[in-house]
């Protein structure tokens, strides 16, 4: 969707600290949950639209981000296959930490909007066939940029 506007290559599973204008922002207490070097965004690109450089990250949230049961169905078998056994209470704590990381990423990008950084979170409830349109609409809502009809047709 963003390829024709990209000023550099796209990245997938990019470390959060590697894309920030000043990674020291993660030292703030409110971002402690996303400070770990393994915290990433699913996709990141720098795009130029109408002469404006926009740094855009996209996160796809699978069902485990909205349902503890879904989280348990994914995490528990994976752990047990590796010989790791935990109680449901331990999984609940891990799930709540994941949700805190999700919230912290959103808050961080909202703070970085002033520097041209935007995060689009795509919930699992958005059907695959509607995701491109959703990303485009959310991009325009967040950035305030209105793209020409030919641009929109190219994206969807």
Protein backbone atom coordinates (compact mmCIF):
# COMPACT_ATOMS: atom_id res chain seq x y z
CA UNK A 1 0.00 0.00 0.00
CA UNK A 2 2.78 2.47 0.81
CA UNK A 3 5.40 1.26 -1.68
CA UNK A 4 4.95 3.97 -4.28
CA UNK A 5 5.40 6.62 -1.57
CA UNK A 6 8.30 5.05 0.28
CA UNK A 7 11.57 6.91 0.57
CA UNK A 8 13.31 3.87 2.00
CA UNK A 9 12.66 0.16 2.17
CA UNK A 10 9.84 -1.25 4.20
CA UNK A 11 10.61 -3.05 7.36
CA UNK A 12 8.76 -5.84 9.07
CA UNK A 13 9.12 -6.77 12.74
CA UNK A 14 11.24 -3.68 13.34
CA UNK A 15 12.61 -2.97 16.80
CA UNK A 16 10.84 0.00 18.28
CA UNK A 17 14.03 1.57 19.61
CA UNK A 18 15.51 1.51 16.10
CA UNK A 19 12.88 3.78 14.55
CA UNK A 20 12.45 6.44 17.21
CA UNK A 21 13.85 9.96 16.73
CA UNK A 22 15.34 9.70 20.24
CA UNK A 23 15.25 6.22 21.84
CA UNK A 24 15.87 7.85 25.23
CA UNK A 25 12.13 8.62 25.28
CA UNK A 26 11.70 4.98 26.34
CA UNK A 27 13.46 5.79 29.62
CA UNK A 28 10.35 7.60 30.81
CA UNK A 29 8.52 5.59 33.46
CA UNK A 30 5.32 5.45 31.42
CA UNK A 31 7.17 3.54 28.67
CA UNK A 32 8.88 0.99 30.90
CA UNK A 33 6.77 -1.85 29.45
CA UNK A 34 8.09 -1.20 25.92
CA UNK A 35 11.69 -0.45 26.83
CA UNK A 36 12.96 -3.98 26.17
CA UNK A 37 15.00 -4.19 22.94
CA UNK A 38 12.78 -6.99 21.58
CA UNK A 39 9.66 -4.81 21.50
CA UNK A 40 8.82 -4.21 17.85
CA UNK A 41 6.24 -2.92 15.40
CA UNK A 42 4.87 -5.23 12.72
CA UNK A 43 5.59 -2.89 9.80
CA UNK A 44 7.37 0.43 9.46
CA UNK A 45 8.00 2.73 6.52
CA UNK A 46 8.91 6.33 5.86
CA UNK A 47 6.68 7.78 3.17
CA UNK A 48 6.69 11.07 1.31
CA UNK A 49 3.28 12.45 0.47
CA UNK A 50 2.82 15.94 -0.91
CA UNK A 51 6.38 16.76 0.16
CA UNK A 52 5.74 15.74 3.75
CA UNK A 53 7.76 12.93 5.36
CA UNK A 54 5.57 10.60 7.43
CA UNK A 55 6.85 7.74 9.56
CA UNK A 56 4.16 5.10 9.67
CA UNK A 57 3.99 1.96 11.77
CA UNK A 58 1.29 -0.68 11.49
CA UNK A 59 0.45 -3.19 14.18
CA UNK A 60 -1.85 -6.12 13.52
CA UNK A 61 -3.48 -7.32 16.71
CA UNK A 62 -4.43 -10.98 16.55
CA UNK A 63 -7.29 -12.37 18.64
CA UNK A 64 -4.95 -12.89 21.59
CA UNK A 65 -4.86 -9.11 22.07
CA UNK A 66 -8.58 -8.91 22.85
CA UNK A 67 -9.33 -12.27 24.47
CA UNK A 68 -7.52 -14.03 27.30
CA UNK A 69 -8.95 -17.34 26.08
CA UNK A 70 -7.42 -16.78 22.64
CA UNK A 71 -4.12 -15.82 24.27
CA UNK A 72 -4.18 -19.00 26.34
CA UNK A 73 -4.95 -21.14 23.26
CA UNK A 74 -1.84 -19.75 21.56
CA UNK A 75 0.65 -19.37 24.41
CA UNK A 76 0.03 -22.51 26.47
CA UNK A 77 0.57 -25.13 23.71
CA UNK A 78 3.64 -23.22 22.48
CA UNK A 79 5.14 -23.19 25.97
CA UNK A 80 4.27 -26.80 26.72
CA UNK A 81 5.91 -27.88 23.43
CA UNK A 82 9.08 -26.28 24.86
CA UNK A 83 8.69 -27.95 28.27
CA UNK A 84 7.38 -24.81 30.00
CA UNK A 85 4.40 -25.25 32.29
CA UNK A 86 2.61 -22.31 33.89
CA UNK A 87 -0.59 -21.76 35.79
CA UNK A 88 -3.50 -19.89 34.22
CA UNK A 89 -2.79 -17.07 36.70
CA UNK A 90 0.75 -16.72 35.31
CA UNK A 91 -0.65 -16.61 31.79
CA UNK A 92 -3.15 -13.96 32.88
CA UNK A 93 -0.28 -11.79 34.17
CA UNK A 94 1.64 -12.26 30.89
CA UNK A 95 -1.49 -11.36 28.90
CA UNK A 96 -2.06 -8.20 30.97
CA UNK A 97 1.58 -7.21 30.37
CA UNK A 98 1.06 -7.66 26.63
CA UNK A 99 -1.99 -5.39 26.79
CA UNK A 100 0.05 -2.80 28.71
CA UNK A 101 2.69 -2.88 25.94
CA UNK A 102 -0.07 -2.37 23.37
CA UNK A 103 -1.38 0.68 25.27
CA UNK A 104 2.13 2.10 25.77
CA UNK A 105 2.90 1.87 22.04
CA UNK A 106 -0.26 3.79 21.20
CA UNK A 107 0.56 6.44 23.80
CA UNK A 108 4.15 6.72 22.55
CA UNK A 109 3.11 7.25 18.94
CA UNK A 110 0.48 9.79 19.98
CA UNK A 111 3.28 11.71 21.69
CA UNK A 112 5.44 11.38 18.57
CA UNK A 113 2.73 12.61 16.16
CA UNK A 114 4.37 16.03 16.43
CA UNK A 115 7.52 14.48 14.87
CA UNK A 116 5.56 12.85 12.03
CA UNK A 117 5.25 9.37 13.60
CA UNK A 118 1.92 7.55 13.37
CA UNK A 119 0.76 4.13 14.51
CA UNK A 120 -2.14 2.34 12.89
CA UNK A 121 -3.49 -0.52 14.96
CA UNK A 122 -5.44 -3.06 12.93
CA UNK A 123 -7.68 -5.14 15.15
CA UNK A 124 -8.26 -8.78 14.26
CA UNK A 125 -11.98 -8.04 13.97
CA UNK A 126 -11.30 -6.12 10.74
CA UNK A 127 -11.70 -8.66 7.95
CA UNK A 128 -8.68 -9.22 5.71
CA UNK A 129 -10.56 -7.86 2.70
CA UNK A 130 -11.18 -4.56 4.50
CA UNK A 131 -7.77 -3.98 6.03
CA UNK A 132 -6.23 -1.92 3.22
CA UNK A 133 -9.20 0.47 3.22
CA UNK A 134 -9.10 0.64 7.03
CA UNK A 135 -5.37 1.44 7.04
CA UNK A 136 -5.89 4.15 4.42
CA UNK A 137 -8.82 5.71 6.30
CA UNK A 138 -6.93 5.61 9.59
CA UNK A 139 -3.83 7.06 7.93
CA UNK A 140 -5.84 10.00 6.58
CA UNK A 141 -7.64 10.49 9.90
CA UNK A 142 -4.43 10.57 11.92
CA UNK A 143 -2.28 12.61 9.56
CA UNK A 144 -4.95 14.94 8.25
CA UNK A 145 -3.63 14.35 4.73
CA UNK A 146 -6.18 14.03 1.96
CA UNK A 147 -4.95 12.03 -0.95
CA UNK A 148 -6.06 12.45 -4.54
CA UNK A 149 -8.42 9.89 -6.05
CA UNK A 150 -5.62 8.36 -8.16
CA UNK A 151 -3.53 7.93 -5.00
CA UNK A 152 -6.38 6.19 -3.22
CA UNK A 153 -7.03 3.86 -6.15
CA UNK A 154 -3.35 2.92 -6.19
CA UNK A 155 -3.41 2.12 -2.48
CA UNK A 156 -6.51 -0.06 -2.30
